[in-house]
PDB file of all heavy atoms in Angstrom:
ATOM      1  N   THR A   1      -4.010 -20.455   0.624  1.00  0.00           N
ATOM      2  CA  THR A   1      -3.302 -19.600   1.573  1.00  0.00           C
ATOM      3  C   THR A   1      -1.926 -19.469   1.116  1.00  0.00           C
ATOM      4  O   THR A   1      -1.442 -20.194   0.349  1.00  0.00           O
ATOM      5  CB  THR A   1      -3.346 -20.191   2.936  1.00  0.00           C
ATOM      6  OG1 THR A   1      -2.609 -21.472   3.020  1.00  0.00           O
ATOM      7  CG2 THR A   1      -4.697 -20.355   3.551  1.00  0.00           C
ATOM      8  N   TYR A   2      -1.279 -18.395   1.728  1.00  0.00           N
ATOM      9  CA  TYR A   2       0.055 -17.939   1.289  1.00  0.00           C
ATOM     10  C   TYR A   2       0.904 -17.673   2.504  1.00  0.00           C
ATOM     11  O   TYR A   2       0.473 -17.122   3.462  1.00  0.00           O
ATOM     12  CB  TYR A   2       0.065 -16.700   0.355  1.00  0.00           C
ATOM     13  CG  TYR A   2      -0.774 -16.786  -0.800  1.00  0.00           C
ATOM     14  CD1 TYR A   2      -2.290 -16.317  -0.739  1.00  0.00           C
ATOM     15  CD2 TYR A   2      -0.393 -17.214  -2.006  1.00  0.00           C
ATOM     16  CE1 TYR A   2      -3.058 -16.398  -1.875  1.00  0.00           C
ATOM     17  CE2 TYR A   2      -1.276 -17.248  -3.157  1.00  0.00           C
ATOM     18  CZ  TYR A   2      -2.601 -16.812  -3.056  1.00  0.00           C
ATOM     19  OH  TYR A   2      -3.373 -16.892  -4.112  1.00  0.00           O
ATOM     20  N   THR A   3       2.208 -18.004   2.352  1.00  0.00           N
ATOM     21  CA  THR A   3       3.160 -17.548   3.430  1.00  0.00           C
ATOM     22  C   THR A   3       3.592 -16.095   3.144  1.00  0.00           C
ATOM     23  O   THR A   3       3.327 -15.513   2.078  1.00  0.00           O
ATOM     24  CB  THR A   3       4.470 -18.404   3.381  1.00  0.00           C
ATOM     25  OG1 THR A   3       5.222 -18.145   2.092  1.00  0.00           O
ATOM     26  CG2 THR A   3       4.107 -19.910   3.506  1.00  0.00           C
ATOM     27  N   ILE A   4       4.268 -15.452   4.106  1.00  0.00           N
ATOM     28  CA  ILE A   4       4.789 -14.190   3.807  1.00  0.00           C
ATOM     29  C   ILE A   4       5.700 -13.923   2.723  1.00  0.00           C
ATOM     30  O   ILE A   4       5.707 -13.049   2.030  1.00  0.00           O
ATOM     31  CB  ILE A   4       5.327 -13.555   5.214  1.00  0.00           C
ATOM     32  CG1 ILE A   4       5.416 -12.028   5.172  1.00  0.00           C
ATOM     33  CG2 ILE A   4       6.648 -14.143   5.495  1.00  0.00           C
ATOM     34  CD1 ILE A   4       5.660 -11.261   6.515  1.00  0.00           C
ATOM     35  N   GLY A   5       6.474 -15.124   2.486  1.00  0.00           N
ATOM     36  CA  GLY A   5       7.381 -15.109   1.319  1.00  0.00           C
ATOM     37  C   GLY A   5       6.691 -15.114  -0.016  1.00  0.00           C
ATOM     38  O   GLY A   5       7.074 -14.433  -0.904  1.00  0.00           O
ATOM     39  N   ASP A   6       5.631 -16.034   0.041  1.00  0.00           N
ATOM     40  CA  ASP A   6       4.711 -15.977  -1.178  1.00  0.00           C
ATOM     41  C   ASP A   6       4.187 -14.714  -1.492  1.00  0.00           C
ATOM     42  O   ASP A   6       4.161 -14.225  -2.647  1.00  0.00           O
ATOM     43  CB  ASP A   6       3.524 -17.069  -0.926  1.00  0.00           C
ATOM     44  CG  ASP A   6       4.034 -18.462  -0.866  1.00  0.00           C
ATOM     45  OD1 ASP A   6       5.152 -18.813  -1.279  1.00  0.00           O
ATOM     46  OD2 ASP A   6       3.327 -19.338  -0.234  1.00  0.00           O
ATOM     47  N   VAL A   7       3.636 -14.092  -0.508  1.00  0.00           N
ATOM     48  CA  VAL A   7       2.927 -12.697  -0.607  1.00  0.00           C
ATOM     49  C   VAL A   7       4.001 -11.676  -1.022  1.00  0.00           C
ATOM     50  O   VAL A   7       3.699 -10.831  -1.991  1.00  0.00           O
ATOM     51  CB  VAL A   7       2.318 -12.292   0.699  1.00  0.00           C
ATOM     52  CG1 VAL A   7       1.829 -10.883   0.571  1.00  0.00           C
ATOM     53  CG2 VAL A   7       1.176 -13.186   0.987  1.00  0.00           C
ATOM     54  N   GLU A   8       5.125 -11.680  -0.531  1.00  0.00           N
ATOM     55  CA  GLU A   8       6.256 -10.779  -0.967  1.00  0.00           C
ATOM     56  C   GLU A   8       6.598 -10.977  -2.425  1.00  0.00           C
ATOM     57  O   GLU A   8       6.697  -9.980  -3.115  1.00  0.00           O
ATOM     58  CB  GLU A   8       7.514 -11.068  -0.094  1.00  0.00           C
ATOM     59  CG  GLU A   8       8.616 -10.049  -0.206  1.00  0.00           C
ATOM     60  CD  GLU A   8       9.759 -10.386   0.796  1.00  0.00           C
ATOM     61  OE1 GLU A   8       9.816 -11.526   1.299  1.00  0.00           O
ATOM     62  OE2 GLU A   8      10.581  -9.528   1.039  1.00  0.00           O
ATOM     63  N   GLN A   9       6.618 -12.152  -2.992  1.00  0.00           N
ATOM     64  CA  GLN A   9       6.912 -12.466  -4.348  1.00  0.00           C
ATOM     65  C   GLN A   9       5.669 -11.962  -5.205  1.00  0.00           C
ATOM     66  O   GLN A   9       5.884 -11.466  -6.255  1.00  0.00           O
ATOM     67  CB  GLN A   9       7.244 -13.892  -4.578  1.00  0.00           C
ATOM     68  CG  GLN A   9       8.599 -14.282  -4.129  1.00  0.00           C
ATOM     69  CD  GLN A   9       8.951 -15.726  -4.495  1.00  0.00           C
ATOM     70  OE1 GLN A   9       8.021 -16.569  -4.583  1.00  0.00           O
ATOM     71  NE2 GLN A   9      10.238 -15.956  -4.592  1.00  0.00           N
ATOM     72  N   LEU A  10       4.601 -12.337  -4.770  1.00  0.00           N
ATOM     73  CA  LEU A  10       3.346 -11.941  -5.546  1.00  0.00           C
ATOM     74  C   LEU A  10       3.104 -10.502  -5.635  1.00  0.00           C
ATOM     75  O   LEU A  10       2.749  -9.954  -6.724  1.00  0.00           O
ATOM     76  CB  LEU A  10       2.053 -12.529  -4.869  1.00  0.00           C
ATOM     77  CG  LEU A  10       1.653 -14.053  -5.048  1.00  0.00           C
ATOM     78  CD1 LEU A  10       0.572 -14.430  -4.197  1.00  0.00           C
ATOM     79  CD2 LEU A  10       1.242 -14.168  -6.604  1.00  0.00           C
ATOM     80  N   THR A  11       3.303  -9.761  -4.585  1.00  0.00           N
ATOM     81  CA  THR A  11       2.943  -8.338  -4.557  1.00  0.00           C
ATOM     82  C   THR A  11       4.122  -7.442  -4.713  1.00  0.00           C
ATOM     83  O   THR A  11       3.994  -6.256  -4.988  1.00  0.00           O
ATOM     84  CB  THR A  11       2.213  -7.986  -3.188  1.00  0.00           C
ATOM     85  OG1 THR A  11       3.177  -8.177  -2.088  1.00  0.00           O
ATOM     86  CG2 THR A  11       1.022  -8.791  -3.042  1.00  0.00           C
ATOM     87  N   GLY A  12       5.419  -7.947  -4.497  1.00  0.00           N
ATOM     88  CA  GLY A  12       6.552  -6.921  -4.552  1.00  0.00           C
ATOM     89  C   GLY A  12       6.548  -6.144  -3.281  1.00  0.00           C
ATOM     90  O   GLY A  12       7.463  -5.185  -3.230  1.00  0.00           O
ATOM     91  N   VAL A  13       5.848  -6.521  -2.214  1.00  0.00           N
ATOM     92  CA  VAL A  13       5.983  -5.687  -1.031  1.00  0.00           C
ATOM     93  C   VAL A  13       6.822  -6.521  -0.038  1.00  0.00           C
ATOM     94  O   VAL A  13       6.560  -7.725   0.226  1.00  0.00           O
ATOM     95  CB  VAL A  13       4.533  -5.499  -0.394  1.00  0.00           C
ATOM     96  CG1 VAL A  13       4.585  -4.715   1.017  1.00  0.00           C
ATOM     97  CG2 VAL A  13       3.599  -4.737  -1.392  1.00  0.00           C
ATOM     98  N   LYS A  14       7.764  -5.841   0.511  1.00  0.00           N
ATOM     99  CA  LYS A  14       8.742  -6.529   1.418  1.00  0.00           C
ATOM    100  C   LYS A  14       7.994  -7.036   2.729  1.00  0.00           C
ATOM    101  O   LYS A  14       7.085  -6.434   3.210  1.00  0.00           O
ATOM    102  CB  LYS A  14       9.905  -5.633   1.804  1.00  0.00           C
ATOM    103  CG  LYS A  14      10.768  -5.163   0.633  1.00  0.00           C
ATOM    104  CD  LYS A  14      11.573  -6.330   0.155  1.00  0.00           C
ATOM    105  CE  LYS A  14      12.620  -5.908  -0.913  1.00  0.00           C
ATOM    106  NZ  LYS A  14      13.237  -6.942  -1.625  1.00  0.00           N
ATOM    107  N   ALA A  15       8.540  -8.026   3.276  1.00  0.00           N
ATOM    108  CA  ALA A  15       7.995  -8.752   4.538  1.00  0.00           C
ATOM    109  C   ALA A  15       7.906  -7.658   5.729  1.00  0.00           C
ATOM    110  O   ALA A  15       6.900  -7.638   6.408  1.00  0.00           O
ATOM    111  CB  ALA A  15       8.733  -9.924   5.007  1.00  0.00           C
ATOM    112  N   HIS A  16       8.964  -6.909   5.861  1.00  0.00           N
ATOM    113  CA  HIS A  16       8.991  -5.892   6.993  1.00  0.00           C
ATOM    114  C   HIS A  16       7.901  -4.866   6.780  1.00  0.00           C
ATOM    115  O   HIS A  16       7.246  -4.328   7.741  1.00  0.00           O
ATOM    116  CB  HIS A  16      10.328  -5.202   7.222  1.00  0.00           C
ATOM    117  CG  HIS A  16      10.776  -4.354   6.171  1.00  0.00           C
ATOM    118  ND1 HIS A  16      11.355  -4.693   4.890  1.00  0.00           N
ATOM    119  CD2 HIS A  16      10.626  -2.961   6.110  1.00  0.00           C
ATOM    120  CE1 HIS A  16      11.589  -3.703   4.297  1.00  0.00           C
ATOM    121  NE2 HIS A  16      11.156  -2.637   4.815  1.00  0.00           N
ATOM    122  N   VAL A  17       7.600  -4.553   5.526  1.00  0.00           N
ATOM    123  CA  VAL A  17       6.442  -3.570   5.174  1.00  0.00           C
ATOM    124  C   VAL A  17       5.182  -4.184   5.543  1.00  0.00           C
ATOM    125  O   VAL A  17       4.292  -3.543   6.137  1.00  0.00           O
ATOM    126  CB  VAL A  17       6.569  -3.151   3.875  1.00  0.00           C
ATOM    127  CG1 VAL A  17       5.320  -2.194   3.449  1.00  0.00           C
ATOM    128  CG2 VAL A  17       7.860  -2.384   3.539  1.00  0.00           C
ATOM    129  N   LEU A  18       4.877  -5.469   5.151  1.00  0.00           N
ATOM    130  CA  LEU A  18       3.727  -6.244   5.455  1.00  0.00           C
ATOM    131  C   LEU A  18       3.463  -6.185   6.999  1.00  0.00           C
ATOM    132  O   LEU A  18       2.343  -5.985   7.353  1.00  0.00           O
ATOM    133  CB  LEU A  18       3.718  -7.548   4.916  1.00  0.00           C
ATOM    134  CG  LEU A  18       3.774  -7.673   3.380  1.00  0.00           C
ATOM    135  CD1 LEU A  18       4.089  -9.185   2.860  1.00  0.00           C
ATOM    136  CD2 LEU A  18       2.442  -7.199   2.732  1.00  0.00           C
ATOM    137  N   ARG A  19       4.531  -6.476   7.763  1.00  0.00           N
ATOM    138  CA  ARG A  19       4.347  -6.545   9.158  1.00  0.00           C
ATOM    139  C   ARG A  19       3.859  -5.178   9.712  1.00  0.00           C
ATOM    140  O   ARG A  19       3.139  -5.052  10.650  1.00  0.00           O
ATOM    141  CB  ARG A  19       5.608  -7.078   9.840  1.00  0.00           C
ATOM    142  CG  ARG A  19       5.786  -8.620   9.553  1.00  0.00           C
ATOM    143  CD  ARG A  19       6.952  -9.142  10.335  1.00  0.00           C
ATOM    144  NE  ARG A  19       8.189  -8.731   9.916  1.00  0.00           N
ATOM    145  CZ  ARG A  19       9.064  -9.206   9.085  1.00  0.00           C
ATOM    146  NH1 ARG A  19       8.568 -10.280   8.417  1.00  0.00           N
ATOM    147  NH2 ARG A  19      10.260  -8.585   8.830  1.00  0.00           N
ATOM    148  N   TYR A  20       4.566  -4.127   9.152  1.00  0.00           N
ATOM    149  CA  TYR A  20       4.289  -2.755   9.560  1.00  0.00           C
ATOM    150  C   TYR A  20       2.845  -2.366   9.301  1.00  0.00           C
ATOM    151  O   TYR A  20       2.043  -1.890  10.110  1.00  0.00           O
ATOM    152  CB  TYR A  20       5.205  -1.702   8.908  1.00  0.00           C
ATOM    153  CG  TYR A  20       4.730  -0.339   9.164  1.00  0.00           C
ATOM    154  CD1 TYR A  20       4.874   0.274  10.389  1.00  0.00           C
ATOM    155  CD2 TYR A  20       4.249   0.538   8.111  1.00  0.00           C
ATOM    156  CE1 TYR A  20       4.562   1.583  10.646  1.00  0.00           C
ATOM    157  CE2 TYR A  20       3.919   1.757   8.283  1.00  0.00           C
ATOM    158  CZ  TYR A  20       4.055   2.338   9.494  1.00  0.00           C
ATOM    159  OH  TYR A  20       3.645   3.634   9.678  1.00  0.00           O
ATOM    160  N   TRP A  21       2.263  -2.755   8.080  1.00  0.00           N
ATOM    161  CA  TRP A  21       0.964  -2.499   7.707  1.00  0.00           C
ATOM    162  C   TRP A  21      -0.019  -3.200   8.648  1.00  0.00           C
ATOM    163  O   TRP A  21      -1.104  -2.676   8.848  1.00  0.00           O
ATOM    164  CB  TRP A  21       0.730  -2.908   6.241  1.00  0.00           C
ATOM    165  CG  TRP A  21       1.382  -2.116   5.251  1.00  0.00           C
ATOM    166  CD1 TRP A  21       2.017  -0.952   5.421  1.00  0.00           C
ATOM    167  CD2 TRP A  21       1.324  -2.337   3.778  1.00  0.00           C
ATOM    168  NE1 TRP A  21       2.397  -0.419   4.195  1.00  0.00           N
ATOM    169  CE2 TRP A  21       2.064  -1.197   3.218  1.00  0.00           C
ATOM    170  CE3 TRP A  21       0.784  -3.351   2.950  1.00  0.00           C
ATOM    171  CZ2 TRP A  21       2.218  -1.204   1.778  1.00  0.00           C
ATOM    172  CZ3 TRP A  21       0.932  -3.212   1.667  1.00  0.00           C
ATOM    173  CH2 TRP A  21       1.719  -2.079   1.018  1.00  0.00           C
ATOM    174  N   GLU A  22       0.385  -4.310   9.236  1.00  0.00           N
ATOM    175  CA  GLU A  22      -0.541  -5.056  10.142  1.00  0.00           C
ATOM    176  C   GLU A  22      -0.742  -4.047  11.470  1.00  0.00           C
ATOM    177  O   GLU A  22      -1.879  -4.180  12.044  1.00  0.00           O
ATOM    178  CB  GLU A  22       0.116  -6.247  10.587  1.00  0.00           C
ATOM    179  CG  GLU A  22       0.057  -7.453   9.755  1.00  0.00           C
ATOM    180  CD  GLU A  22       0.735  -8.691  10.185  1.00  0.00           C
ATOM    181  OE1 GLU A  22       0.509  -8.983  11.402  1.00  0.00           O
ATOM    182  OE2 GLU A  22       1.472  -9.302   9.489  1.00  0.00           O
ATOM    183  N   GLU A  23       0.183  -3.290  11.716  1.00  0.00           N
ATOM    184  CA  GLU A  23       0.148  -2.386  12.829  1.00  0.00           C
ATOM    185  C   GLU A  23      -0.777  -1.208  12.649  1.00  0.00           C
ATOM    186  O   GLU A  23      -1.450  -0.694  13.549  1.00  0.00           O
ATOM    187  CB  GLU A  23       1.454  -1.990  13.313  1.00  0.00           C
ATOM    188  CG  GLU A  23       2.396  -3.156  13.897  1.00  0.00           C
ATOM    189  CD  GLU A  23       3.706  -2.710  14.204  1.00  0.00           C
ATOM    190  OE1 GLU A  23       4.040  -1.434  14.335  1.00  0.00           O
ATOM    191  OE2 GLU A  23       4.592  -3.455  14.349  1.00  0.00           O
ATOM    192  N   VAL A  24      -0.633  -0.652  11.429  1.00  0.00           N
ATOM    193  CA  VAL A  24      -1.322   0.634  11.145  1.00  0.00           C
ATOM    194  C   VAL A  24      -2.548   0.562  10.263  1.00  0.00           C
ATOM    195  O   VAL A  24      -3.178   1.580  10.171  1.00  0.00           O
ATOM    196  CB  VAL A  24      -0.257   1.579  10.577  1.00  0.00           C
ATOM    197  CG1 VAL A  24       0.878   1.866  11.405  1.00  0.00           C
ATOM    198  CG2 VAL A  24       0.191   1.175   9.173  1.00  0.00           C
ATOM    199  N   VAL A  25      -2.824  -0.498   9.632  1.00  0.00           N
ATOM    200  CA  VAL A  25      -4.045  -0.641   8.818  1.00  0.00           C
ATOM    201  C   VAL A  25      -5.081  -1.422   9.457  1.00  0.00           C
ATOM    202  O   VAL A  25      -4.906  -2.649   9.685  1.00  0.00           O
ATOM    203  CB  VAL A  25      -3.674  -1.201   7.305  1.00  0.00           C
ATOM    204  CG1 VAL A  25      -4.887  -1.400   6.548  1.00  0.00           C
ATOM    205  CG2 VAL A  25      -2.621  -0.382   6.687  1.00  0.00           C
ATOM    206  N   PRO A  26      -6.195  -0.800   9.884  1.00  0.00           N
ATOM    207  CA  PRO A  26      -7.319  -1.600  10.502  1.00  0.00           C
ATOM    208  C   PRO A  26      -7.791  -2.694   9.588  1.00  0.00           C
ATOM    209  O   PRO A  26      -7.781  -2.563   8.398  1.00  0.00           O
ATOM    210  CB  PRO A  26      -8.318  -0.528  10.700  1.00  0.00           C
ATOM    211  CG  PRO A  26      -7.575   0.867  10.510  1.00  0.00           C
ATOM    212  CD  PRO A  26      -6.547   0.636   9.661  1.00  0.00           C
ATOM    213  N   ASN A  27      -8.164  -3.682  10.112  1.00  0.00           N
ATOM    214  CA  ASN A  27      -8.773  -4.839   9.409  1.00  0.00           C
ATOM    215  C   ASN A  27      -7.692  -5.637   8.620  1.00  0.00           C
ATOM    216  O   ASN A  27      -8.241  -6.534   7.814  1.00  0.00           O
ATOM    217  CB  ASN A  27      -9.997  -4.525   8.670  1.00  0.00           C
ATOM    218  CG  ASN A  27     -11.128  -3.863   9.426  1.00  0.00           C
ATOM    219  OD1 ASN A  27     -11.274  -4.275  10.654  1.00  0.00           O
ATOM    220  ND2 ASN A  27     -11.902  -3.033   8.954  1.00  0.00           N
ATOM    221  N   PHE A  28      -6.527  -5.365   8.642  1.00  0.00           N
ATOM    222  CA  PHE A  28      -5.588  -6.050   7.973  1.00  0.00           C
ATOM    223  C   PHE A  28      -4.706  -6.898   9.000  1.00  0.00           C
ATOM    224  O   PHE A  28      -3.823  -6.330   9.710  1.00  0.00           O
ATOM    225  CB  PHE A  28      -4.561  -5.147   7.127  1.00  0.00           C
ATOM    226  CG  PHE A  28      -3.469  -5.966   6.503  1.00  0.00           C
ATOM    227  CD1 PHE A  28      -3.773  -7.043   5.621  1.00  0.00           C
ATOM    228  CD2 PHE A  28      -2.161  -5.701   6.738  1.00  0.00           C
ATOM    229  CE1 PHE A  28      -2.776  -7.777   4.931  1.00  0.00           C
ATOM    230  CE2 PHE A  28      -1.077  -6.519   6.020  1.00  0.00           C
ATOM    231  CZ  PHE A  28      -1.446  -7.521   5.224  1.00  0.00           C
ATOM    232  N   ASN A  29      -5.150  -8.121   9.265  1.00  0.00           N
ATOM    233  CA  ASN A  29      -4.647  -8.896  10.249  1.00  0.00           C
ATOM    234  C   ASN A  29      -4.626 -10.475   9.761  1.00  0.00           C
ATOM    235  O   ASN A  29      -5.562 -11.205  10.064  1.00  0.00           O
ATOM    236  CB  ASN A  29      -5.609  -8.782  11.430  1.00  0.00           C
ATOM    237  CG  ASN A  29      -4.913  -8.675  12.724  1.00  0.00           C
ATOM    238  OD1 ASN A  29      -3.628  -8.667  12.818  1.00  0.00           O
ATOM    239  ND2 ASN A  29      -5.627  -8.655  13.879  1.00  0.00           N
ATOM    240  N   PRO A  30      -3.611 -10.757   9.179  1.00  0.00           N
ATOM    241  CA  PRO A  30      -3.476 -12.149   8.605  1.00  0.00           C
ATOM    242  C   PRO A  30      -3.516 -13.203   9.772  1.00  0.00           C
ATOM    243  O   PRO A  30      -3.030 -12.859  10.821  1.00  0.00           O
ATOM    244  CB  PRO A  30      -2.252 -12.248   7.954  1.00  0.00           C
ATOM    245  CG  PRO A  30      -1.449 -10.974   8.029  1.00  0.00           C
ATOM    246  CD  PRO A  30      -2.447 -10.011   8.713  1.00  0.00           C
ATOM    247  N   GLN A  31      -4.013 -14.258   9.559  1.00  0.00           N
ATOM    248  CA  GLN A  31      -4.039 -15.432  10.569  1.00  0.00           C
ATOM    249  C   GLN A  31      -2.641 -15.709  10.902  1.00  0.00           C
ATOM    250  O   GLN A  31      -1.709 -15.596  10.071  1.00  0.00           O
ATOM    251  CB  GLN A  31      -4.830 -16.680   9.988  1.00  0.00           C
ATOM    252  CG  GLN A  31      -6.250 -16.370   9.783  1.00  0.00           C
ATOM    253  CD  GLN A  31      -7.128 -16.275  10.965  1.00  0.00           C
ATOM    254  OE1 GLN A  31      -6.822 -17.023  11.998  1.00  0.00           O
ATOM    255  NE2 GLN A  31      -8.109 -15.396  10.938  1.00  0.00           N
ATOM    256  N   LYS A  32      -2.430 -16.430  11.975  1.00  0.00           N
ATOM    257  CA  LYS A  32      -1.161 -17.011  12.285  1.00  0.00           C
ATOM    258  C   LYS A  32      -1.379 -18.536  12.588  1.00  0.00           C
ATOM    259  O   LYS A  32      -2.375 -18.894  13.284  1.00  0.00           O
ATOM    260  CB  LYS A  32      -0.535 -16.248  13.522  1.00  0.00           C
ATOM    261  CG  LYS A  32      -0.078 -14.884  13.065  1.00  0.00           C
ATOM    262  CD  LYS A  32       0.696 -14.167  14.142  1.00  0.00           C
ATOM    263  CE  LYS A  32       0.970 -12.798  13.788  1.00  0.00           C
ATOM    264  NZ  LYS A  32       1.593 -11.952  14.768  1.00  0.00           N
ATOM    265  N   ASP A  33      -0.517 -19.372  12.235  1.00  0.00           N
ATOM    266  CA  ASP A  33      -0.583 -20.733  12.541  1.00  0.00           C
ATOM    267  C   ASP A  33      -0.103 -21.034  13.973  1.00  0.00           C
ATOM    268  O   ASP A  33       0.186 -19.999  14.761  1.00  0.00           O
ATOM    269  CB  ASP A  33       0.223 -21.691  11.532  1.00  0.00           C
ATOM    270  CG  ASP A  33       1.639 -21.461  11.486  1.00  0.00           C
ATOM    271  OD1 ASP A  33       2.342 -20.860  12.590  1.00  0.00           O
ATOM    272  OD2 ASP A  33       2.365 -21.972  10.641  1.00  0.00           O
ATOM    273  N   VAL A  34      -0.041 -22.207  14.469  1.00  0.00           N
ATOM    274  CA  VAL A  34       0.298 -22.637  15.819  1.00  0.00           C
ATOM    275  C   VAL A  34       1.696 -22.105  16.160  1.00  0.00           C
ATOM    276  O   VAL A  34       2.001 -21.997  17.334  1.00  0.00           O
ATOM    277  CB  VAL A  34       0.068 -24.084  16.100  1.00  0.00           C
ATOM    278  CG1 VAL A  34      -1.487 -24.429  16.047  1.00  0.00           C
ATOM    279  CG2 VAL A  34       0.838 -25.008  15.184  1.00  0.00           C
ATOM    280  N   THR A  35       2.536 -22.051  15.212  1.00  0.00           N
ATOM    281  CA  THR A  35       3.987 -21.684  15.466  1.00  0.00           C
ATOM    282  C   THR A  35       4.217 -20.214  15.328  1.00  0.00           C
ATOM    283  O   THR A  35       5.303 -19.658  15.533  1.00  0.00           O
ATOM    284  CB  THR A  35       4.976 -22.326  14.489  1.00  0.00           C
ATOM    285  OG1 THR A  35       4.667 -21.959  13.103  1.00  0.00           O
ATOM    286  CG2 THR A  35       4.855 -23.870  14.601  1.00  0.00           C
ATOM    287  N   GLY A  36       3.159 -19.429  14.962  1.00  0.00           N
ATOM    288  CA  GLY A  36       3.173 -17.996  14.919  1.00  0.00           C
ATOM    289  C   GLY A  36       3.425 -17.448  13.555  1.00  0.00           C
ATOM    290  O   GLY A  36       3.637 -16.130  13.307  1.00  0.00           O
TER     291      GLY A  36
END
């Protein structure tokens, strides 16, 4: 598993863009831990 920071480094996609994609791309819904 990866954190949002890890994914940002791996893919070159900024965290705010990843969060936006969660809203507009169906079936793209990463899990959240107990702290969110």
